[in-house]
C-alpha atoms as a PDB file:
ATOM      1  CA  MET A   1     113.916  96.522  84.008  1.00  0.00           C
ATOM      2  CA  TYR A   2     111.316  96.520  86.749  1.00  0.00           C
ATOM      3  CA  PRO A   3     110.903  93.493  89.027  1.00  0.00           C
ATOM      4  CA  ALA A   4     107.971  91.149  88.677  1.00  0.00           C
ATOM      5  CA  GLY A   5     106.933  92.287  92.127  1.00  0.00           C
ATOM      6  CA  MET A   6     105.137  90.806  95.095  1.00  0.00           C
ATOM      7  CA  GLY A   7     101.588  91.837  94.270  1.00  0.00           C
ATOM      8  CA  ALA A   8      99.903  95.205  93.870  1.00  0.00           C
ATOM      9  CA  HIS A   9      98.174  97.102  96.668  1.00  0.00           C
ATOM     10  CA  ARG A  10      94.619  95.818  96.402  1.00  0.00           C
ATOM     11  CA  PRO A  11      92.732  98.739  98.050  1.00  0.00           C
ATOM     12  CA  MET A  12      94.575 101.245  95.876  1.00  0.00           C
ATOM     13  CA  THR A  13      93.950  99.221  92.739  1.00  0.00           C
ATOM     14  CA  VAL A  14      90.243  98.904  93.523  1.00  0.00           C
ATOM     15  CA  PHE A  15      90.002 102.603  94.342  1.00  0.00           C
ATOM     16  CA  ALA A  16      91.752 103.465  91.075  1.00  0.00           C
ATOM     17  CA  VAL A  17      89.115 101.482  89.171  1.00  0.00           C
ATOM     18  CA  LEU A  18      86.307 103.161  91.105  1.00  0.00           C
ATOM     19  CA  SER A  19      87.877 106.568  90.415  1.00  0.00           C
ATOM     20  CA  ALA A  20      87.988 105.787  86.700  1.00  0.00           C
ATOM     21  CA  VAL A  21      84.286 104.889  86.844  1.00  0.00           C
ATOM     22  CA  ALA A  22      83.625 108.143  88.721  1.00  0.00           C
ATOM     23  CA  ALA A  23      85.499 110.077  86.016  1.00  0.00           C
ATOM     24  CA  ALA A  24      83.262 108.508  83.370  1.00  0.00           C
ATOM     25  CA  GLY A  25      80.218 109.433  85.430  1.00  0.00           C
ATOM     26  CA  CYS A  26      81.424 113.013  85.664  1.00  0.00           C
ATOM     27  CA  LEU A  27      81.694 113.182  81.891  1.00  0.00           C
ATOM     28  CA  VAL A  28      78.042 112.182  81.663  1.00  0.00           C
ATOM     29  CA  ALA A  29      77.156 114.762  84.307  1.00  0.00           C
ATOM     30  CA  LEU A  30      79.057 117.434  82.374  1.00  0.00           C
ATOM     31  CA  ALA A  31      76.933 116.637  79.348  1.00  0.00           C
ATOM     32  CA  VAL A  32      73.580 116.866  81.137  1.00  0.00           C
ATOM     33  CA  ASP A  33      74.197 119.396  83.919  1.00  0.00           C
ATOM     34  CA  ASP A  34      74.856 122.907  82.648  1.00  0.00           C
ATOM     35  CA  ARG A  35      75.463 124.526  86.039  1.00  0.00           C
ATOM     36  CA  VAL A  36      78.582 126.681  86.386  1.00  0.00           C
ATOM     37  CA  LEU A  37      80.583 127.281  89.571  1.00  0.00           C
ATOM     38  CA  LEU A  38      83.399 129.829  89.802  1.00  0.00           C
ATOM     39  CA  GLY A  39      83.426 130.229  86.039  1.00  0.00           C
ATOM     40  CA  ALA A  40      83.716 126.520  85.177  1.00  0.00           C
ATOM     41  CA  PRO A  41      81.213 123.693  84.565  1.00  0.00           C
ATOM     42  CA  ILE A  42      80.328 122.443  88.023  1.00  0.00           C
ATOM     43  CA  TRP A  43      81.378 118.809  87.395  1.00  0.00           C
ATOM     44  CA  THR A  44      84.849 119.771  86.155  1.00  0.00           C
ATOM     45  CA  LYS A  45      86.475 119.573  89.592  1.00  0.00           C
ATOM     46  CA  PRO A  46      85.224 116.063  90.489  1.00  0.00           C
ATOM     47  CA  PHE A  47      86.221 114.894  87.001  1.00  0.00           C
ATOM     48  CA  LYS A  48      89.770 116.208  87.359  1.00  0.00           C
ATOM     49  CA  PHE A  49      90.084 114.766  90.859  1.00  0.00           C
ATOM     50  CA  ALA A  50      88.850 111.358  89.686  1.00  0.00           C
ATOM     51  CA  VAL A  51      91.351 111.221  86.820  1.00  0.00           C
ATOM     52  CA  SER A  52      94.203 112.334  89.070  1.00  0.00           C
ATOM     53  CA  MET A  53      93.309 109.823  91.787  1.00  0.00           C
ATOM     54  CA  THR A  54      93.172 107.031  89.213  1.00  0.00           C
ATOM     55  CA  ALA A  55      96.695 107.749  87.985  1.00  0.00           C
ATOM     56  CA  TYR A  56      98.038 108.375  91.494  1.00  0.00           C
ATOM     57  CA  CYS A  57      96.660 105.185  93.032  1.00  0.00           C
ATOM     58  CA  LEU A  58      97.735 103.016  90.111  1.00  0.00           C
ATOM     59  CA  ALA A  59     101.287 104.359  90.402  1.00  0.00           C
ATOM     60  CA  TRP A  60     101.484 103.722  94.135  1.00  0.00           C
ATOM     61  CA  SER A  61      99.877 100.303  93.821  1.00  0.00           C
ATOM     62  CA  TRP A  62     102.572  99.366  91.312  1.00  0.00           C
ATOM     63  CA  MET A  63     105.336 100.790  93.492  1.00  0.00           C
ATOM     64  CA  TYR A  64     104.029  98.765  96.437  1.00  0.00           C
ATOM     65  CA  SER A  65     104.754  95.613  94.431  1.00  0.00           C
ATOM     66  CA  MET A  66     108.465  96.490  94.544  1.00  0.00           C
ATOM     67  CA  VAL A  67     108.668  96.810  98.305  1.00  0.00           C
ATOM     68  CA  GLU A  68     110.266  94.043 100.350  1.00  0.00           C
ATOM     69  CA  ARG A  69     111.270  95.683 103.620  1.00  0.00           C
ATOM     70  CA  GLY A  70     108.572  97.815 105.215  1.00  0.00           C
ATOM     71  CA  ARG A  71     105.820  96.201 103.194  1.00  0.00           C
ATOM     72  CA  ARG A  72     103.352  96.299 106.095  1.00  0.00           C
ATOM     73  CA  VAL A  73     103.967 100.018 106.558  1.00  0.00           C
ATOM     74  CA  VAL A  74     103.174 100.724 102.915  1.00  0.00           C
ATOM     75  CA  ALA A  75     100.134  98.429 103.014  1.00  0.00           C
ATOM     76  CA  TRP A  76      98.724 100.266 106.028  1.00  0.00           C
ATOM     77  CA  ALA A  77      99.645 103.742 104.773  1.00  0.00           C
ATOM     78  CA  GLY A  78      98.188 102.978 101.354  1.00  0.00           C
ATOM     79  CA  SER A  79      94.870 102.048 102.935  1.00  0.00           C
ATOM     80  CA  VAL A  80      94.943 105.342 104.866  1.00  0.00           C
ATOM     81  CA  VAL A  81      95.516 107.172 101.571  1.00  0.00           C
ATOM     82  CA  VAL A  82      92.528 105.430 100.006  1.00  0.00           C
ATOM     83  CA  ALA A  83      90.289 106.279 102.959  1.00  0.00           C
ATOM     84  CA  SER A  84      91.444 109.918 102.932  1.00  0.00           C
ATOM     85  CA  MET A  85      90.867 110.275  99.204  1.00  0.00           C
ATOM     86  CA  ALA A  86      87.445 108.657  99.502  1.00  0.00           C
ATOM     87  CA  VAL A  87      86.345 111.099 102.225  1.00  0.00           C
ATOM     88  CA  GLU A  88      87.617 114.081 100.271  1.00  0.00           C
ATOM     89  CA  TYR A  89      85.966 112.953  97.056  1.00  0.00           C
ATOM     90  CA  VAL A  90      82.610 112.277  98.702  1.00  0.00           C
ATOM     91  CA  ILE A  91      82.651 115.814 100.104  1.00  0.00           C
ATOM     92  CA  ILE A  92      83.574 117.271  96.703  1.00  0.00           C
ATOM     93  CA  VAL A  93      80.724 115.455  94.965  1.00  0.00           C
ATOM     94  CA  GLY A  94      78.317 116.269  97.792  1.00  0.00           C
ATOM     95  CA  GLN A  95      79.103 119.951  97.473  1.00  0.00           C
ATOM     96  CA  VAL A  96      78.637 119.802  93.713  1.00  0.00           C
ATOM     97  CA  LEU A  97      75.203 118.282  94.231  1.00  0.00           C
ATOM     98  CA  ARG A  98      74.432 121.185  96.574  1.00  0.00           C
ATOM     99  CA  GLY A  99      75.792 123.675  94.062  1.00  0.00           C
ATOM    100  CA  ARG A 100      78.443 124.808  96.525  1.00  0.00           C
ATOM    101  CA  ALA A 101      82.221 125.193  96.389  1.00  0.00           C
ATOM    102  CA  SER A 102      84.064 122.507  98.328  1.00  0.00           C
ATOM    103  CA  HIS A 103      87.544 123.986  98.791  1.00  0.00           C
ATOM    104  CA  PHE A 104      88.141 127.089 100.924  1.00  0.00           C
ATOM    105  CA  ASN A 105      84.397 127.580 101.476  1.00  0.00           C
ATOM    106  CA  VAL A 106      83.555 128.757 104.994  1.00  0.00           C
ATOM    107  CA  SER A 107      80.508 130.849 104.115  1.00  0.00           C
ATOM    108  CA  THR A 108      78.117 128.739 106.239  1.00  0.00           C
ATOM    109  CA  PRO A 109      78.670 126.486 109.270  1.00  0.00           C
ATOM    110  CA  LEU A 110      78.047 123.386 107.136  1.00  0.00           C
ATOM    111  CA  ASP A 111      80.438 124.516 104.421  1.00  0.00           C
ATOM    112  CA  ALA A 112      83.060 125.390 107.009  1.00  0.00           C
ATOM    113  CA  GLY A 113      82.657 122.008 108.699  1.00  0.00           C
ATOM    114  CA  LEU A 114      83.047 120.132 105.426  1.00  0.00           C
ATOM    115  CA  TRP A 115      86.130 122.169 104.501  1.00  0.00           C
ATOM    116  CA  ALA A 116      87.614 121.475 107.950  1.00  0.00           C
ATOM    117  CA  ALA A 117      87.016 117.740 107.441  1.00  0.00           C
ATOM    118  CA  MET A 118      88.712 117.907 104.047  1.00  0.00           C
ATOM    119  CA  SER A 119      91.666 119.758 105.538  1.00  0.00           C
ATOM    120  CA  VAL A 120      92.156 117.011 108.105  1.00  0.00           C
ATOM    121  CA  THR A 121      91.999 114.250 105.487  1.00  0.00           C
ATOM    122  CA  ILE A 122      94.499 116.100 103.294  1.00  0.00           C
ATOM    123  CA  GLY A 123      96.949 116.359 106.183  1.00  0.00           C
ATOM    124  CA  VAL A 124      96.521 112.678 107.048  1.00  0.00           C
ATOM    125  CA  LEU A 125      96.987 111.745 103.383  1.00  0.00           C
ATOM    126  CA  TRP A 126     100.264 113.680 103.177  1.00  0.00           C
ATOM    127  CA  LEU A 127     101.654 111.972 106.270  1.00  0.00           C
ATOM    128  CA  ALA A 128     100.693 108.556 104.889  1.00  0.00           C
ATOM    129  CA  ILE A 129     102.376 109.345 101.570  1.00  0.00           C
ATOM    130  CA  LEU A 130     105.459 110.489 103.500  1.00  0.00           C
ATOM    131  CA  ALA A 131     105.641 107.096 105.240  1.00  0.00           C
ATOM    132  CA  MET A 132     105.254 105.292 101.908  1.00  0.00           C
ATOM    133  CA  THR A 133     107.923 107.440 100.281  1.00  0.00           C
ATOM    134  CA  VAL A 134     110.457 106.709 103.021  1.00  0.00           C
ATOM    135  CA  VAL A 135     109.956 102.973 102.522  1.00  0.00           C
ATOM    136  CA  VAL A 136     110.021 103.129  98.713  1.00  0.00           C
ATOM    137  CA  LEU A 137     113.340 104.978  98.809  1.00  0.00           C
ATOM    138  CA  ARG A 138     114.846 101.680  99.949  1.00  0.00           C
ATOM    139  CA  ALA A 139     113.132  99.505  97.330  1.00  0.00           C
ATOM    140  CA  PRO A 140     115.750  97.069  95.897  1.00  0.00           C
ATOM    141  CA  LEU A 141     115.584  97.844  92.197  1.00  0.00           C
ATOM    142  CA  ALA A 142     118.591  96.368  90.401  1.00  0.00           C
ATOM    143  CA  ASP A 143     118.418  98.749  87.440  1.00  0.00           C
ATOM    144  CA  ALA A 144     119.908 102.127  88.384  1.00  0.00           C
ATOM    145  CA  ALA A 145     117.672 104.155  86.045  1.00  0.00           C
ATOM    146  CA  SER A 146     114.538 102.532  87.429  1.00  0.00           C
ATOM    147  CA  ARG A 147     115.680 103.013  90.986  1.00  0.00           C
ATOM    148  CA  TRP A 148     116.387 106.714  90.503  1.00  0.00           C
ATOM    149  CA  ALA A 149     113.132 107.234  88.612  1.00  0.00           C
ATOM    150  CA  VAL A 150     111.094 105.707  91.436  1.00  0.00           C
ATOM    151  CA  ARG A 151     113.006 107.508  94.184  1.00  0.00           C
ATOM    152  CA  SER A 152     113.012 110.946  92.592  1.00  0.00           C
ATOM    153  CA  GLY A 153     109.448 110.586  91.337  1.00  0.00           C
ATOM    154  CA  ALA A 154     108.192 109.737  94.822  1.00  0.00           C
ATOM    155  CA  VAL A 155     110.077 112.597  96.496  1.00  0.00           C
ATOM    156  CA  ILE A 156     109.070 115.259  93.948  1.00  0.00           C
ATOM    157  CA  SER A 157     105.490 114.003  94.087  1.00  0.00           C
ATOM    158  CA  LEU A 158     105.480 114.348  97.875  1.00  0.00           C
ATOM    159  CA  VAL A 159     106.729 117.927  97.523  1.00  0.00           C
ATOM    160  CA  GLY A 160     104.078 118.650  94.890  1.00  0.00           C
ATOM    161  CA  LEU A 161     101.389 117.290  97.184  1.00  0.00           C
ATOM    162  CA  GLY A 162     102.656 119.550  99.946  1.00  0.00           C
ATOM    163  CA  LEU A 163     102.577 122.578  97.648  1.00  0.00           C
ATOM    164  CA  GLY A 164      98.811 122.354  97.836  1.00  0.00           C
ATOM    165  CA  GLY A 165      99.222 123.988 101.226  1.00  0.00           C
ATOM    166  CA  LEU A 166     100.148 127.227  99.472  1.00  0.00           C
ATOM    167  CA  MET A 167      96.527 127.496  98.372  1.00  0.00           C
ATOM    168  CA  VAL A 168      95.291 127.337 101.959  1.00  0.00           C
ATOM    169  CA  GLY A 169      97.477 130.298 102.881  1.00  0.00           C
ATOM    170  CA  ALA A 170      96.632 132.338  99.778  1.00  0.00           C
ATOM    171  CA  ALA A 171      94.959 135.645 100.615  1.00  0.00           C
ATOM    172  CA  ARG A 172      91.541 136.540  99.255  1.00  0.00           C
ATOM    173  CA  GLY A 173      89.289 139.482  99.828  1.00  0.00           C
ATOM    174  CA  ASP A 174      85.989 137.760 100.608  1.00  0.00           C
ATOM    175  CA  GLY A 175      86.928 136.162 103.913  1.00  0.00           C
ATOM    176  CA  GLY A 176      87.448 132.708 102.430  1.00  0.00           C
ATOM    177  CA  ALA A 177      89.970 130.249 103.777  1.00  0.00           C
ATOM    178  CA  GLY A 178      92.289 130.158 100.775  1.00  0.00           C
ATOM    179  CA  ALA A 179      92.389 130.469  96.998  1.00  0.00           C
ATOM    180  CA  HIS A 180      93.731 128.955  93.803  1.00  0.00           C
ATOM    181  CA  THR A 181      94.533 132.237  92.110  1.00  0.00           C
ATOM    182  CA  VAL A 182      97.197 134.718  93.195  1.00  0.00           C
ATOM    183  CA  GLY A 183      96.451 138.388  92.689  1.00  0.00           C
ATOM    184  CA  LEU A 184      92.880 137.915  91.474  1.00  0.00           C
ATOM    185  CA  PRO A 185      89.657 136.307  92.728  1.00  0.00           C
ATOM    186  CA  ASP A 186      89.037 132.673  91.826  1.00  0.00           C
ATOM    187  CA  GLY A 187      86.663 132.071  88.940  1.00  0.00           C
ATOM    188  CA  GLY A 188      88.214 134.322  86.299  1.00  0.00           C
ATOM    189  CA  PRO A 189      89.178 133.309  82.754  1.00  0.00           C
ATOM    190  CA  GLY A 190      90.859 129.910  82.668  1.00  0.00           C
ATOM    191  CA  MET A 191      92.466 127.356  80.397  1.00  0.00           C
ATOM    192  CA  ALA A 192      90.309 124.668  78.796  1.00  0.00           C
ATOM    193  CA  LEU A 193      89.834 121.519  80.913  1.00  0.00           C
ATOM    194  CA  THR A 194      92.360 122.424  83.624  1.00  0.00           C
ATOM    195  CA  GLY A 195      90.685 125.718  84.474  1.00  0.00           C
ATOM    196  CA  TRP A 196      94.072 127.228  85.359  1.00  0.00           C
ATOM    197  CA  SER A 197      93.944 131.000  85.324  1.00  0.00           C
ATOM    198  CA  THR A 198      94.975 132.757  82.145  1.00  0.00           C
ATOM    199  CA  VAL A 199      95.108 136.178  83.817  1.00  0.00           C
ATOM    200  CA  GLY A 200      96.855 135.517  87.152  1.00  0.00           C
ATOM    201  CA  GLY A 201      99.072 133.108  89.033  1.00  0.00           C
ATOM    202  CA  ASP A 202      97.500 129.728  89.755  1.00  0.00           C
ATOM    203  CA  LEU A 203      98.806 127.604  92.633  1.00  0.00           C
ATOM    204  CA  ARG A 204      97.143 124.482  91.265  1.00  0.00           C
ATOM    205  CA  ILE A 205      99.848 124.287  88.605  1.00  0.00           C
ATOM    206  CA  PRO A 206     102.866 123.456  90.813  1.00  0.00           C
ATOM    207  CA  HIS A 207     100.624 121.174  92.876  1.00  0.00           C
ATOM    208  CA  PHE A 208      99.622 119.220  89.762  1.00  0.00           C
ATOM    209  CA  VAL A 209     103.028 119.205  88.059  1.00  0.00           C
ATOM    210  CA  GLY A 210     104.798 118.102  91.219  1.00  0.00           C
ATOM    211  CA  MET A 211     102.335 115.346  92.126  1.00  0.00           C
ATOM    212  CA  HIS A 212     102.555 113.645  88.771  1.00  0.00           C
ATOM    213  CA  ALA A 213     106.321 113.227  88.772  1.00  0.00           C
ATOM    214  CA  LEU A 214     105.223 109.914  90.286  1.00  0.00           C
ATOM    215  CA  GLN A 215     104.121 108.781  86.829  1.00  0.00           C
ATOM    216  CA  VAL A 216     106.361 110.818  84.504  1.00  0.00           C
ATOM    217  CA  LEU A 217     109.800 109.754  85.729  1.00  0.00           C
ATOM    218  CA  PRO A 218     109.170 105.977  85.985  1.00  0.00           C
ATOM    219  CA  LEU A 219     107.570 106.097  82.532  1.00  0.00           C
ATOM    220  CA  LEU A 220     110.687 107.845  81.237  1.00  0.00           C
ATOM    221  CA  ALA A 221     112.891 105.115  82.720  1.00  0.00           C
ATOM    222  CA  ALA A 222     110.685 102.466  81.120  1.00  0.00           C
ATOM    223  CA  LEU A 223     110.885 104.225  77.742  1.00  0.00           C
ATOM    224  CA  LEU A 224     114.667 104.455  77.970  1.00  0.00           C
ATOM    225  CA  GLY A 225     114.778 100.746  78.744  1.00  0.00           C
ATOM    226  CA  VAL A 226     112.768  99.959  75.611  1.00  0.00           C
ATOM    227  CA  LEU A 227     114.893 102.273  73.486  1.00  0.00           C
ATOM    228  CA  GLY A 228     117.989 100.629  74.927  1.00  0.00           C
ATOM    229  CA  HIS A 229     117.222  97.552  72.870  1.00  0.00           C
ATOM    230  CA  ARG A 230     117.353  99.633  69.679  1.00  0.00           C
ATOM    231  CA  LEU A 231     119.926 102.331  70.417  1.00  0.00           C
ATOM    232  CA  PRO A 232     123.310 100.978  71.570  1.00  0.00           C
ATOM    233  CA  ARG A 233     124.194 104.073  73.591  1.00  0.00           C
ATOM    234  CA  LEU A 234     121.015 103.728  75.653  1.00  0.00           C
ATOM    235  CA  GLY A 235     121.863 100.077  76.142  1.00  0.00           C
ATOM    236  CA  ARG A 236     124.388 101.213  78.734  1.00  0.00           C
ATOM    237  CA  PRO A 237     122.715 101.111  82.186  1.00  0.00           C
ATOM    238  CA  GLU A 238     124.840 103.987  83.497  1.00  0.00           C
ATOM    239  CA  VAL A 239     123.784 106.204  80.576  1.00  0.00           C
ATOM    240  CA  ARG A 240     120.107 105.562  81.283  1.00  0.00           C
ATOM    241  CA  ALA A 241     120.673 106.277  84.984  1.00  0.00           C
ATOM    242  CA  ARG A 242     122.366 109.580  84.175  1.00  0.00           C
ATOM    243  CA  LEU A 243     119.551 110.598  81.839  1.00  0.00           C
ATOM    244  CA  VAL A 244     116.987 109.876  84.545  1.00  0.00           C
ATOM    245  CA  LEU A 245     118.993 111.938  87.048  1.00  0.00           C
ATOM    246  CA  VAL A 246     119.135 114.834  84.591  1.00  0.00           C
ATOM    247  CA  ALA A 247     115.398 114.541  83.898  1.00  0.00           C
ATOM    248  CA  ALA A 248     114.594 114.417  87.612  1.00  0.00           C
ATOM    249  CA  SER A 249     116.709 117.516  88.228  1.00  0.00           C
ATOM    250  CA  GLY A 250     114.985 119.297  85.361  1.00  0.00           C
ATOM    251  CA  TYR A 251     111.561 118.227  86.610  1.00  0.00           C
ATOM    252  CA  ALA A 252     112.333 119.555  90.087  1.00  0.00           C
ATOM    253  CA  GLY A 253     113.505 122.786  88.473  1.00  0.00           C
ATOM    254  CA  LEU A 254     110.235 122.999  86.531  1.00  0.00           C
ATOM    255  CA  VAL A 255     108.216 122.589  89.728  1.00  0.00           C
ATOM    256  CA  ALA A 256     110.240 125.375  91.330  1.00  0.00           C
ATOM    257  CA  LEU A 257     109.795 127.579  88.258  1.00  0.00           C
ATOM    258  CA  VAL A 258     105.999 127.256  88.005  1.00  0.00           C
ATOM    259  CA  THR A 259     105.700 127.737  91.780  1.00  0.00           C
ATOM    260  CA  TRP A 260     107.722 130.958  91.566  1.00  0.00           C
ATOM    261  CA  GLN A 261     105.709 132.100  88.565  1.00  0.00           C
ATOM    262  CA  ALA A 262     102.380 131.449  90.283  1.00  0.00           C
ATOM    263  CA  GLU A 263     103.458 133.159  93.512  1.00  0.00           C
ATOM    264  CA  ARG A 264     104.308 136.260  91.474  1.00  0.00           C
ATOM    265  CA  GLY A 265     100.699 136.390  90.258  1.00  0.00           C
ATOM    266  CA  GLN A 266     101.687 135.501  86.705  1.00  0.00           C
ATOM    267  CA  SER A 267      99.655 133.263  84.411  1.00  0.00           C
ATOM    268  CA  LEU A 268     101.325 130.175  82.987  1.00  0.00           C
ATOM    269  CA  VAL A 269     100.412 131.251  79.453  1.00  0.00           C
ATOM    270  CA  HIS A 270     101.678 134.828  79.824  1.00  0.00           C
ATOM    271  CA  PRO A 271     105.244 134.556  81.138  1.00  0.00           C
ATOM    272  CA  ASP A 272     107.321 137.710  81.388  1.00  0.00           C
ATOM    273  CA  ALA A 273     110.942 138.118  80.281  1.00  0.00           C
ATOM    274  CA  VAL A 274     112.282 137.076  83.688  1.00  0.00           C
ATOM    275  CA  THR A 275     110.297 133.833  83.652  1.00  0.00           C
ATOM    276  CA  LEU A 276     111.346 133.092  80.069  1.00  0.00           C
ATOM    277  CA  GLY A 277     114.971 133.749  81.012  1.00  0.00           C
ATOM    278  CA  ALA A 278     114.730 131.285  83.916  1.00  0.00           C
ATOM    279  CA  LEU A 279     113.124 128.733  81.594  1.00  0.00           C
ATOM    280  CA  ALA A 280     115.946 129.216  79.091  1.00  0.00           C
ATOM    281  CA  VAL A 281     118.522 128.564  81.822  1.00  0.00           C
ATOM    282  CA  LEU A 282     116.639 125.432  82.877  1.00  0.00           C
ATOM    283  CA  LEU A 283     116.468 124.123  79.302  1.00  0.00           C
ATOM    284  CA  ALA A 284     120.149 124.876  78.747  1.00  0.00           C
ATOM    285  CA  GLY A 285     120.992 122.948  81.883  1.00  0.00           C
ATOM    286  CA  LEU A 286     118.912 120.008  80.657  1.00  0.00           C
ATOM    287  CA  ALA A 287     120.670 120.079  77.301  1.00  0.00           C
ATOM    288  CA  LEU A 288     124.137 120.148  78.855  1.00  0.00           C
ATOM    289  CA  GLY A 289     123.141 117.468  81.339  1.00  0.00           C
ATOM    290  CA  SER A 290     121.868 115.242  78.548  1.00  0.00           C
ATOM    291  CA  VAL A 291     125.155 115.619  76.667  1.00  0.00           C
ATOM    292  CA  TRP A 292     127.021 114.650  79.842  1.00  0.00           C
ATOM    293  CA  ALA A 293     124.716 111.696  80.382  1.00  0.00           C
ATOM    294  CA  LEU A 294     125.284 110.319  76.901  1.00  0.00           C
ATOM    295  CA  VAL A 295     129.078 110.308  77.221  1.00  0.00           C
ATOM    296  CA  PRO A 296     130.333 106.809  78.090  1.00  0.00           C
ATOM    297  CA  ALA A 297     131.642 106.521  81.642  1.00  0.00           C
ATOM    298  CA  GLU A 298     134.817 104.841  80.427  1.00  0.00           C
ATOM    299  CA  PRO A 299     136.343 103.708  77.127  1.00  0.00           C
ATOM    300  CA  GLY A 300     134.965 100.566  75.618  1.00  0.00           C
ATOM    301  CA  PRO A 301     132.712  99.320  72.815  1.00  0.00           C
ATOM    302  CA  VAL A 302     129.246 100.808  72.897  1.00  0.00           C
ATOM    303  CA  GLY A 303     126.708  98.329  74.219  1.00  0.00           C
ATOM    304  CA  ALA A 304     129.330  96.241  75.999  1.00  0.00           C
ATOM    305  CA  ALA A 305     128.231  94.520  79.164  1.00  0.00           C
ATOM    306  CA  ARG A 306     129.207  96.308  82.365  1.00  0.00           C
ATOM    307  CA  PRO A 307     129.881  94.603  85.668  1.00  0.00           C
ATOM    308  CA  ALA A 308     127.368  95.049  88.468  1.00  0.00           C
ATOM    309  CA  VAL A 309     128.631  96.859  91.521  1.00  0.00           C
ATOM    310  CA  ASP A 310     126.909  97.066  94.900  1.00  0.00           C
ATOM    311  CA  GLY A 311     123.819  95.401  93.498  1.00  0.00           C
ATOM    312  CA  ALA A 312     123.292  98.015  90.774  1.00  0.00           C
ATOM    313  CA  GLU A 313     123.382  96.662  87.244  1.00  0.00           C
ATOM    314  CA  GLY A 314     126.049  98.455  85.229  1.00  0.00           C
ATOM    315  CA  ASP A 315     126.704 101.106  87.866  1.00  0.00           C
ATOM    316  CA  PRO A 316     130.463 101.005  88.328  1.00  0.00           C
ATOM    317  CA  ALA A 317     130.637 104.720  88.986  1.00  0.00           C
ATOM    318  CA  GLY A 318     128.176 104.435  91.831  1.00  0.00           C
ATOM    319  CA  VAL A 319     125.509 106.490  90.038  1.00  0.00           C
ATOM    320  CA  ALA A 320     122.766 104.590  91.793  1.00  0.00           C
ATOM    321  CA  GLY A 321     123.966 105.517  95.250  1.00  0.00           C
ATOM    322  CA  ARG A 322     123.537 103.434  98.337  1.00  0.00           C
END
């Protein structure tokens, strides 16, 4: 389903390995360092960042292997991403060692300077990811489901990364430069591991959910490809492509929903009737979309071979686009 590729992005692959090692180190630190910051064990943030960076860099390194045109752009931009992440992570760990908050902390000149440096690296990282996304949108994947999974995953992930900016603009009463929580101070009761607020809106949720479309949607396409060998209906390339399109639409809707919920100061685990109603509409749309996706595009024996059109395997209806 996916091409053999032209080689992974070496700096991103190496950084992913180093991030995994850092995550393991944070687990050790969590076991031996009982300090608490903003209501959570102090090494929780660097652990979560290390895990996220591992998954993110591995996904982009793999996607780089698919690129033919614009390969130099992605190679350069990927190295910029690695450098930006490295600077941000060093500051996060340095602040943990000092027992200080890293994000939104302007309480001293040093803290403010470090937060300003992080803000610059975050902006540079987003622009580099934007350049990579533009190139990957043209990656020549023959399988329509794979192509749509990569394209939609990259775009939604870019949006999710940008949603982190909502935290910078979030109001807080102590003069800080931003906040995770809407309607309440940071550091209140939170969910296990993630630390997401259980009593107010948390802007980290749409940021996280959106970013990791980069892994979820391509993995879905890969799973559908495997199941296609066992289930005749999923053996149709156009059916798999439609299912991926439905999933991508639903995923984008989920990002919008949790963003709206967080901005209203509402905890993820305590949705009100309006939020539940919106979720019900989203799920109903996914169900109807899935039924549509599973209907054959034209009469014929299930599992029959379909002619390739415009370079897209089994995409006679033009599902894959241009």
